[in-house]
Amino acid sequence: MSDAIQRFIEAYTHLNKDNLSGLQSVYHEQCLFEDPIHTCEGWDALHHHLKTMYDNTTQCKFVIKTWTGNEEQLFLQWSLTFAHTKLFSGKKQELEGCSRVEFADGRVRYHRDFFDLGGMVYEGLPLIGFLIRRIKSRLGS
């Protein structure tokens, strides 16, 4: 396992609202982060995004399930357990996802997360959530 991969996995395994600034040593100053909701260019934008996310959660824990990679890129499958103050009435939820990470000079230069946005956000909204769950149930029948 490369040092960059080890630092990345270790950082996310122990990530919480009190140690977000420690990610600065993991990410390149000119990093690009993308997920289905956000695009952050540069460390400052990413740090602000993560701080906002953690400010609105009462629980947020990543578990890395499997990974493969080398000193240039990393692919991860993960699980996130979270409780967001504005979704699902603040109740604990679990989200499955994967990430593609590219390194430059031993630090993350590009990070892309893939997950079901409907399951994470839309299903947690009162009226829209009911409709999405109903549509999913009808499609599954």
N, C-alpha and C. Protein backbone atom coordinates (compact mmCIF):
# COMPACT_ATOMS: atom_id res chain seq x y z
N MET A 1 0.85 -1.17 0.00
CA MET A 1 0.00 0.00 0.00
C MET A 1 0.90 1.24 0.00
N SER A 2 0.62 2.16 -0.92
CA SER A 2 1.41 3.39 -0.97
C SER A 2 1.10 4.27 0.24
N ASP A 3 2.02 5.17 0.54
CA ASP A 3 1.81 6.11 1.65
C ASP A 3 0.57 6.98 1.42
N ALA A 4 0.37 7.41 0.17
CA ALA A 4 -0.78 8.27 -0.14
C ALA A 4 -2.10 7.53 0.12
N ILE A 5 -2.18 6.27 -0.30
CA ILE A 5 -3.39 5.48 -0.06
C ILE A 5 -3.60 5.28 1.43
N GLN A 6 -2.54 4.94 2.13
CA GLN A 6 -2.66 4.70 3.58
C GLN A 6 -3.13 5.96 4.30
N ARG A 7 -2.57 7.13 3.94
CA ARG A 7 -2.99 8.38 4.58
C ARG A 7 -4.45 8.72 4.26
N PHE A 8 -4.87 8.47 3.01
CA PHE A 8 -6.24 8.75 2.61
C PHE A 8 -7.22 7.87 3.38
N ILE A 9 -6.99 6.56 3.39
CA ILE A 9 -7.89 5.64 4.08
C ILE A 9 -7.91 5.92 5.58
N GLU A 10 -6.77 6.15 6.15
CA GLU A 10 -6.68 6.46 7.59
C GLU A 10 -7.46 7.75 7.91
N ALA A 11 -7.30 8.76 7.07
CA ALA A 11 -7.98 10.05 7.31
C ALA A 11 -9.49 9.88 7.28
N TYR A 12 -10.01 9.18 6.29
CA TYR A 12 -11.47 9.04 6.18
C TYR A 12 -12.05 8.07 7.20
N THR A 13 -11.27 7.09 7.61
CA THR A 13 -11.73 6.16 8.63
C THR A 13 -11.93 6.87 9.97
N HIS A 14 -11.11 7.88 10.24
CA HIS A 14 -11.18 8.59 11.52
C HIS A 14 -11.74 10.00 11.41
N LEU A 15 -12.29 10.34 10.26
CA LEU A 15 -12.75 11.71 10.01
C LEU A 15 -13.92 12.09 10.92
N ASN A 16 -13.83 13.29 11.47
CA ASN A 16 -14.93 13.86 12.26
C ASN A 16 -14.82 15.38 12.20
N LYS A 17 -15.79 16.08 12.78
CA LYS A 17 -15.81 17.54 12.66
C LYS A 17 -14.64 18.22 13.36
N ASP A 18 -13.96 17.51 14.25
CA ASP A 18 -12.85 18.12 14.98
C ASP A 18 -11.50 17.94 14.29
N ASN A 19 -11.41 17.10 13.26
CA ASN A 19 -10.11 16.90 12.62
C ASN A 19 -10.12 17.15 11.11
N LEU A 20 -11.10 17.90 10.62
CA LEU A 20 -11.20 18.18 9.19
C LEU A 20 -9.95 18.85 8.63
N SER A 21 -9.35 19.73 9.40
CA SER A 21 -8.17 20.45 8.90
C SER A 21 -7.00 19.50 8.64
N GLY A 22 -7.01 18.32 9.26
CA GLY A 22 -5.96 17.34 9.02
C GLY A 22 -5.96 16.81 7.60
N LEU A 23 -7.08 16.96 6.91
CA LEU A 23 -7.15 16.52 5.51
C LEU A 23 -6.28 17.39 4.60
N GLN A 24 -5.88 18.55 5.06
CA GLN A 24 -5.07 19.43 4.23
C GLN A 24 -3.76 18.76 3.83
N SER A 25 -3.25 17.88 4.67
CA SER A 25 -2.01 17.18 4.32
C SER A 25 -2.26 16.02 3.35
N VAL A 26 -3.52 15.64 3.17
CA VAL A 26 -3.90 14.54 2.27
C VAL A 26 -4.22 15.08 0.88
N TYR A 27 -4.84 16.27 0.81
CA TYR A 27 -5.27 16.85 -0.46
C TYR A 27 -4.28 17.87 -0.99
N HIS A 28 -4.13 17.88 -2.29
CA HIS A 28 -3.32 18.88 -2.98
C HIS A 28 -4.04 20.23 -2.88
N GLU A 29 -3.31 21.31 -2.81
CA GLU A 29 -3.89 22.65 -2.71
C GLU A 29 -4.84 22.94 -3.88
N GLN A 30 -4.52 22.40 -5.06
CA GLN A 30 -5.33 22.62 -6.25
C GLN A 30 -6.20 21.41 -6.59
N CYS A 31 -6.72 20.73 -5.57
CA CYS A 31 -7.53 19.52 -5.78
C CYS A 31 -8.87 19.87 -6.42
N LEU A 32 -9.47 18.85 -7.02
CA LEU A 32 -10.83 18.96 -7.55
C LEU A 32 -11.64 17.83 -6.93
N PHE A 33 -12.75 18.20 -6.26
CA PHE A 33 -13.63 17.23 -5.63
C PHE A 33 -14.99 17.33 -6.29
N GLU A 34 -15.57 16.16 -6.65
CA GLU A 34 -16.90 16.15 -7.25
C GLU A 34 -17.73 15.03 -6.62
N ASP A 35 -19.00 15.33 -6.40
CA ASP A 35 -19.98 14.31 -6.04
C ASP A 35 -21.29 14.71 -6.71
N PRO A 36 -22.35 13.92 -6.57
CA PRO A 36 -23.59 14.26 -7.28
C PRO A 36 -24.20 15.61 -6.90
N ILE A 37 -23.74 16.22 -5.82
CA ILE A 37 -24.31 17.49 -5.37
C ILE A 37 -23.36 18.66 -5.56
N HIS A 38 -22.07 18.45 -5.33
CA HIS A 38 -21.10 19.54 -5.27
C HIS A 38 -19.91 19.33 -6.19
N THR A 39 -19.31 20.44 -6.58
CA THR A 39 -17.99 20.46 -7.19
C THR A 39 -17.19 21.50 -6.44
N CYS A 40 -16.05 21.09 -5.92
CA CYS A 40 -15.19 22.00 -5.16
C CYS A 40 -13.83 22.05 -5.82
N GLU A 41 -13.39 23.24 -6.15
CA GLU A 41 -12.08 23.42 -6.75
C GLU A 41 -11.15 24.07 -5.74
N GLY A 42 -10.11 23.35 -5.35
CA GLY A 42 -9.13 23.84 -4.40
C GLY A 42 -9.42 23.41 -2.97
N TRP A 43 -8.37 23.37 -2.18
CA TRP A 43 -8.48 22.90 -0.79
C TRP A 43 -9.46 23.75 0.02
N ASP A 44 -9.39 25.07 -0.13
CA ASP A 44 -10.25 25.94 0.68
C ASP A 44 -11.74 25.65 0.43
N ALA A 45 -12.12 25.46 -0.84
CA ALA A 45 -13.51 25.15 -1.17
C ALA A 45 -13.92 23.79 -0.62
N LEU A 46 -13.02 22.81 -0.72
CA LEU A 46 -13.33 21.48 -0.19
C LEU A 46 -13.47 21.52 1.33
N HIS A 47 -12.58 22.21 2.00
CA HIS A 47 -12.65 22.32 3.46
C HIS A 47 -13.96 22.98 3.88
N HIS A 48 -14.37 24.03 3.19
CA HIS A 48 -15.63 24.70 3.49
C HIS A 48 -16.81 23.75 3.30
N HIS A 49 -16.80 22.99 2.21
CA HIS A 49 -17.87 22.02 1.93
C HIS A 49 -17.95 20.98 3.06
N LEU A 50 -16.82 20.41 3.44
CA LEU A 50 -16.82 19.39 4.50
C LEU A 50 -17.25 19.97 5.84
N LYS A 51 -16.79 21.17 6.14
CA LYS A 51 -17.18 21.81 7.40
C LYS A 51 -18.69 22.03 7.46
N THR A 52 -19.26 22.50 6.35
CA THR A 52 -20.71 22.70 6.29
C THR A 52 -21.45 21.38 6.46
N MET A 53 -20.95 20.34 5.79
CA MET A 53 -21.58 19.02 5.91
C MET A 53 -21.55 18.55 7.36
N TYR A 54 -20.41 18.65 8.01
CA TYR A 54 -20.31 18.18 9.39
C TYR A 54 -21.08 19.07 10.37
N ASP A 55 -21.21 20.35 10.07
CA ASP A 55 -22.00 21.24 10.93
C ASP A 55 -23.48 20.85 10.95
N ASN A 56 -23.95 20.20 9.88
CA ASN A 56 -25.36 19.82 9.78
C ASN A 56 -25.62 18.35 10.09
N THR A 57 -24.62 17.65 10.59
CA THR A 57 -24.82 16.24 10.94
C THR A 57 -24.59 16.03 12.43
N THR A 58 -25.32 15.08 12.97
CA THR A 58 -25.10 14.69 14.36
C THR A 58 -24.30 13.40 14.42
N GLN A 59 -24.17 12.75 13.28
CA GLN A 59 -23.36 11.53 13.17
C GLN A 59 -22.88 11.44 11.73
N CYS A 60 -21.61 11.03 11.54
CA CYS A 60 -21.05 10.89 10.20
C CYS A 60 -19.82 10.00 10.30
N LYS A 61 -19.93 8.77 9.79
CA LYS A 61 -18.83 7.80 9.93
C LYS A 61 -18.67 7.03 8.63
N PHE A 62 -17.45 7.05 8.07
CA PHE A 62 -17.12 6.29 6.87
C PHE A 62 -16.51 4.95 7.26
N VAL A 63 -16.90 3.90 6.53
CA VAL A 63 -16.26 2.60 6.64
C VAL A 63 -15.82 2.23 5.24
N ILE A 64 -14.52 2.02 5.06
CA ILE A 64 -13.98 1.60 3.77
C ILE A 64 -14.14 0.09 3.68
N LYS A 65 -14.91 -0.38 2.70
CA LYS A 65 -15.19 -1.81 2.59
C LYS A 65 -14.15 -2.54 1.76
N THR A 66 -13.77 -1.95 0.64
CA THR A 66 -12.75 -2.56 -0.21
C THR A 66 -12.10 -1.46 -1.05
N TRP A 67 -10.90 -1.72 -1.50
CA TRP A 67 -10.20 -0.74 -2.32
C TRP A 67 -9.18 -1.44 -3.20
N THR A 68 -8.79 -0.77 -4.26
CA THR A 68 -7.69 -1.21 -5.10
C THR A 68 -7.03 0.05 -5.66
N GLY A 69 -5.73 0.00 -5.78
CA GLY A 69 -5.06 1.18 -6.30
C GLY A 69 -3.56 1.09 -6.25
N ASN A 70 -2.94 2.19 -6.65
CA ASN A 70 -1.49 2.31 -6.63
C ASN A 70 -1.14 3.76 -6.32
N GLU A 71 0.11 4.15 -6.54
CA GLU A 71 0.52 5.52 -6.18
C GLU A 71 -0.12 6.59 -7.07
N GLU A 72 -0.78 6.18 -8.17
CA GLU A 72 -1.40 7.15 -9.07
C GLU A 72 -2.91 7.28 -8.89
N GLN A 73 -3.59 6.16 -8.59
CA GLN A 73 -5.04 6.24 -8.44
C GLN A 73 -5.55 5.17 -7.48
N LEU A 74 -6.75 5.43 -6.98
CA LEU A 74 -7.37 4.59 -5.97
C LEU A 74 -8.86 4.49 -6.27
N PHE A 75 -9.40 3.29 -6.14
CA PHE A 75 -10.84 3.06 -6.25
C PHE A 75 -11.31 2.45 -4.94
N LEU A 76 -12.35 3.01 -4.35
CA LEU A 76 -12.85 2.56 -3.04
C LEU A 76 -14.33 2.25 -3.11
N GLN A 77 -14.74 1.28 -2.31
CA GLN A 77 -16.16 1.07 -2.02
C GLN A 77 -16.31 1.38 -0.54
N TRP A 78 -17.30 2.19 -0.19
CA TRP A 78 -17.45 2.62 1.20
C TRP A 78 -18.91 2.64 1.62
N SER A 79 -19.08 2.77 2.92
CA SER A 79 -20.39 2.92 3.52
C SER A 79 -20.32 4.13 4.45
N LEU A 80 -21.33 4.96 4.39
CA LEU A 80 -21.39 6.14 5.24
C LEU A 80 -22.64 6.03 6.11
N THR A 81 -22.44 6.08 7.42
CA THR A 81 -23.56 6.16 8.36
C THR A 81 -23.63 7.61 8.80
N PHE A 82 -24.82 8.20 8.64
CA PHE A 82 -24.94 9.62 8.96
C PHE A 82 -26.33 9.93 9.51
N ALA A 83 -26.41 11.01 10.24
CA ALA A 83 -27.69 11.58 10.68
C ALA A 83 -27.60 13.08 10.40
N HIS A 84 -28.44 13.55 9.50
CA HIS A 84 -28.43 14.95 9.07
C HIS A 84 -29.64 15.65 9.70
N THR A 85 -29.39 16.82 10.23
CA THR A 85 -30.45 17.54 10.94
C THR A 85 -31.65 17.88 10.07
N LYS A 86 -31.47 17.95 8.73
CA LYS A 86 -32.55 18.39 7.85
C LYS A 86 -33.11 17.26 6.98
N LEU A 87 -32.64 16.03 7.18
CA LEU A 87 -33.11 14.91 6.37
C LEU A 87 -33.58 13.77 7.26
N PHE A 88 -34.63 13.09 6.84
CA PHE A 88 -35.15 11.92 7.55
C PHE A 88 -35.40 12.20 9.03
N SER A 89 -35.85 13.40 9.33
CA SER A 89 -36.12 13.83 10.71
C SER A 89 -34.92 13.62 11.63
N GLY A 90 -33.73 13.71 11.08
CA GLY A 90 -32.51 13.57 11.87
C GLY A 90 -32.16 12.14 12.24
N LYS A 91 -32.89 11.16 11.68
CA LYS A 91 -32.64 9.76 12.01
C LYS A 91 -31.42 9.23 11.25
N LYS A 92 -30.75 8.28 11.84
CA LYS A 92 -29.55 7.68 11.27
C LYS A 92 -29.88 6.96 9.96
N GLN A 93 -29.02 7.18 8.96
CA GLN A 93 -29.16 6.57 7.64
C GLN A 93 -27.84 5.95 7.22
N GLU A 94 -27.91 5.03 6.26
CA GLU A 94 -26.69 4.45 5.70
C GLU A 94 -26.69 4.65 4.20
N LEU A 95 -25.55 5.05 3.68
CA LEU A 95 -25.39 5.32 2.26
C LEU A 95 -24.20 4.52 1.75
N GLU A 96 -24.40 3.80 0.66
CA GLU A 96 -23.32 3.05 0.02
C GLU A 96 -22.80 3.87 -1.15
N GLY A 97 -21.49 3.84 -1.36
CA GLY A 97 -20.93 4.58 -2.47
C GLY A 97 -19.55 4.09 -2.85
N CYS A 98 -19.00 4.70 -3.87
CA CYS A 98 -17.62 4.42 -4.28
C CYS A 98 -16.96 5.72 -4.69
N SER A 99 -15.65 5.68 -4.69
CA SER A 99 -14.86 6.87 -5.02
C SER A 99 -13.74 6.51 -5.97
N ARG A 100 -13.41 7.47 -6.80
CA ARG A 100 -12.22 7.40 -7.64
C ARG A 100 -11.33 8.54 -7.20
N VAL A 101 -10.08 8.22 -6.89
CA VAL A 101 -9.14 9.22 -6.38
C VAL A 101 -7.87 9.15 -7.22
N GLU A 102 -7.36 10.32 -7.62
CA GLU A 102 -6.10 10.39 -8.35
C GLU A 102 -5.11 11.20 -7.51
N PHE A 103 -3.86 10.74 -7.51
CA PHE A 103 -2.82 11.38 -6.72
C PHE A 103 -1.82 12.10 -7.61
N ALA A 104 -1.26 13.19 -7.08
CA ALA A 104 -0.15 13.90 -7.71
C ALA A 104 0.78 14.29 -6.57
N ASP A 105 2.02 13.92 -6.69
CA ASP A 105 3.01 14.22 -5.64
C ASP A 105 2.58 13.68 -4.28
N GLY A 106 1.94 12.51 -4.26
CA GLY A 106 1.55 11.87 -3.01
C GLY A 106 0.33 12.47 -2.32
N ARG A 107 -0.36 13.38 -3.00
CA ARG A 107 -1.56 13.99 -2.41
C ARG A 107 -2.71 13.89 -3.40
N VAL A 108 -3.93 13.97 -2.88
CA VAL A 108 -5.12 13.83 -3.72
C VAL A 108 -5.27 15.06 -4.60
N ARG A 109 -5.26 14.82 -5.90
CA ARG A 109 -5.44 15.90 -6.87
C ARG A 109 -6.88 15.91 -7.41
N TYR A 110 -7.50 14.70 -7.47
CA TYR A 110 -8.87 14.57 -7.98
C TYR A 110 -9.59 13.52 -7.14
N HIS A 111 -10.82 13.84 -6.72
CA HIS A 111 -11.62 12.93 -5.89
C HIS A 111 -13.05 13.02 -6.40
N ARG A 112 -13.59 11.89 -6.86
CA ARG A 112 -14.96 11.83 -7.36
C ARG A 112 -15.72 10.77 -6.58
N ASP A 113 -16.82 11.16 -5.94
CA ASP A 113 -17.69 10.23 -5.21
C ASP A 113 -18.91 9.91 -6.06
N PHE A 114 -19.31 8.63 -6.01
CA PHE A 114 -20.51 8.16 -6.70
C PHE A 114 -21.43 7.55 -5.66
N PHE A 115 -22.68 8.01 -5.61
CA PHE A 115 -23.68 7.44 -4.71
C PHE A 115 -25.07 7.80 -5.19
N ASP A 116 -26.07 7.14 -4.61
CA ASP A 116 -27.47 7.35 -4.96
C ASP A 116 -27.98 8.62 -4.29
N LEU A 117 -28.04 9.69 -5.06
CA LEU A 117 -28.49 10.97 -4.52
C LEU A 117 -29.94 10.90 -4.05
N GLY A 118 -30.77 10.15 -4.77
CA GLY A 118 -32.17 10.00 -4.37
C GLY A 118 -32.29 9.39 -2.99
N GLY A 119 -31.50 8.36 -2.72
CA GLY A 119 -31.53 7.70 -1.42
C GLY A 119 -31.01 8.59 -0.32
N MET A 120 -30.02 9.43 -0.63
CA MET A 120 -29.41 10.25 0.42
C MET A 120 -30.23 11.50 0.72
N VAL A 121 -30.71 12.16 -0.30
CA VAL A 121 -31.34 13.46 -0.10
C VAL A 121 -32.84 13.44 -0.35
N TYR A 122 -33.22 13.13 -1.57
CA TYR A 122 -34.62 13.31 -1.97
C TYR A 122 -35.60 12.46 -1.18
N GLU A 123 -35.20 11.23 -0.84
CA GLU A 123 -36.12 10.39 -0.07
C GLU A 123 -36.29 10.90 1.36
N GLY A 124 -35.41 11.76 1.80
CA GLY A 124 -35.51 12.32 3.14
C GLY A 124 -36.38 13.56 3.23
N LEU A 125 -36.83 14.05 2.10
CA LEU A 125 -37.69 15.23 2.09
C LEU A 125 -39.15 14.79 2.21
N PRO A 126 -39.96 15.51 2.98
CA PRO A 126 -41.32 15.05 3.28
C PRO A 126 -42.17 14.64 2.07
N LEU A 127 -42.55 15.52 1.20
CA LEU A 127 -43.45 15.19 0.10
C LEU A 127 -42.72 14.45 -1.03
N ILE A 128 -41.59 14.99 -1.44
CA ILE A 128 -40.83 14.37 -2.53
C ILE A 128 -40.39 12.97 -2.15
N GLY A 129 -39.95 12.78 -0.93
CA GLY A 129 -39.50 11.46 -0.46
C GLY A 129 -40.59 10.41 -0.60
N PHE A 130 -41.81 10.77 -0.22
CA PHE A 130 -42.94 9.84 -0.34
C PHE A 130 -43.12 9.44 -1.80
N LEU A 131 -43.07 10.42 -2.70
CA LEU A 131 -43.28 10.13 -4.12
C LEU A 131 -42.16 9.25 -4.68
N ILE A 132 -40.92 9.54 -4.34
CA ILE A 132 -39.79 8.75 -4.84
C ILE A 132 -39.87 7.32 -4.32
N ARG A 133 -40.16 7.14 -3.04
CA ARG A 133 -40.28 5.79 -2.49
C ARG A 133 -41.41 5.02 -3.18
N ARG A 134 -42.50 5.71 -3.46
CA ARG A 134 -43.63 5.07 -4.14
C ARG A 134 -43.25 4.66 -5.57
N ILE A 135 -42.57 5.55 -6.28
CA ILE A 135 -42.12 5.23 -7.64
C ILE A 135 -41.17 4.04 -7.62
N LYS A 136 -40.20 4.04 -6.71
CA LYS A 136 -39.25 2.92 -6.61
C LYS A 136 -39.99 1.62 -6.32
N SER A 137 -40.96 1.67 -5.44
CA SER A 137 -41.70 0.46 -5.09
C SER A 137 -42.48 -0.05 -6.30
N ARG A 138 -43.07 0.84 -7.08
CA ARG A 138 -43.83 0.42 -8.26
C ARG A 138 -42.91 -0.12 -9.34
N LEU A 139 -41.74 0.47 -9.50
CA LEU A 139 -40.78 -0.02 -10.50
C LEU A 139 -40.24 -1.38 -10.12
N GLY A 140 -40.14 -1.63 -8.82
CA GLY A 140 -39.61 -2.91 -8.34
C GLY A 140 -40.62 -4.04 -8.37
N SER A 141 -41.91 -3.73 -8.58
CA SER A 141 -42.96 -4.78 -8.57
C SER A 141 -43.04 -5.49 -9.90
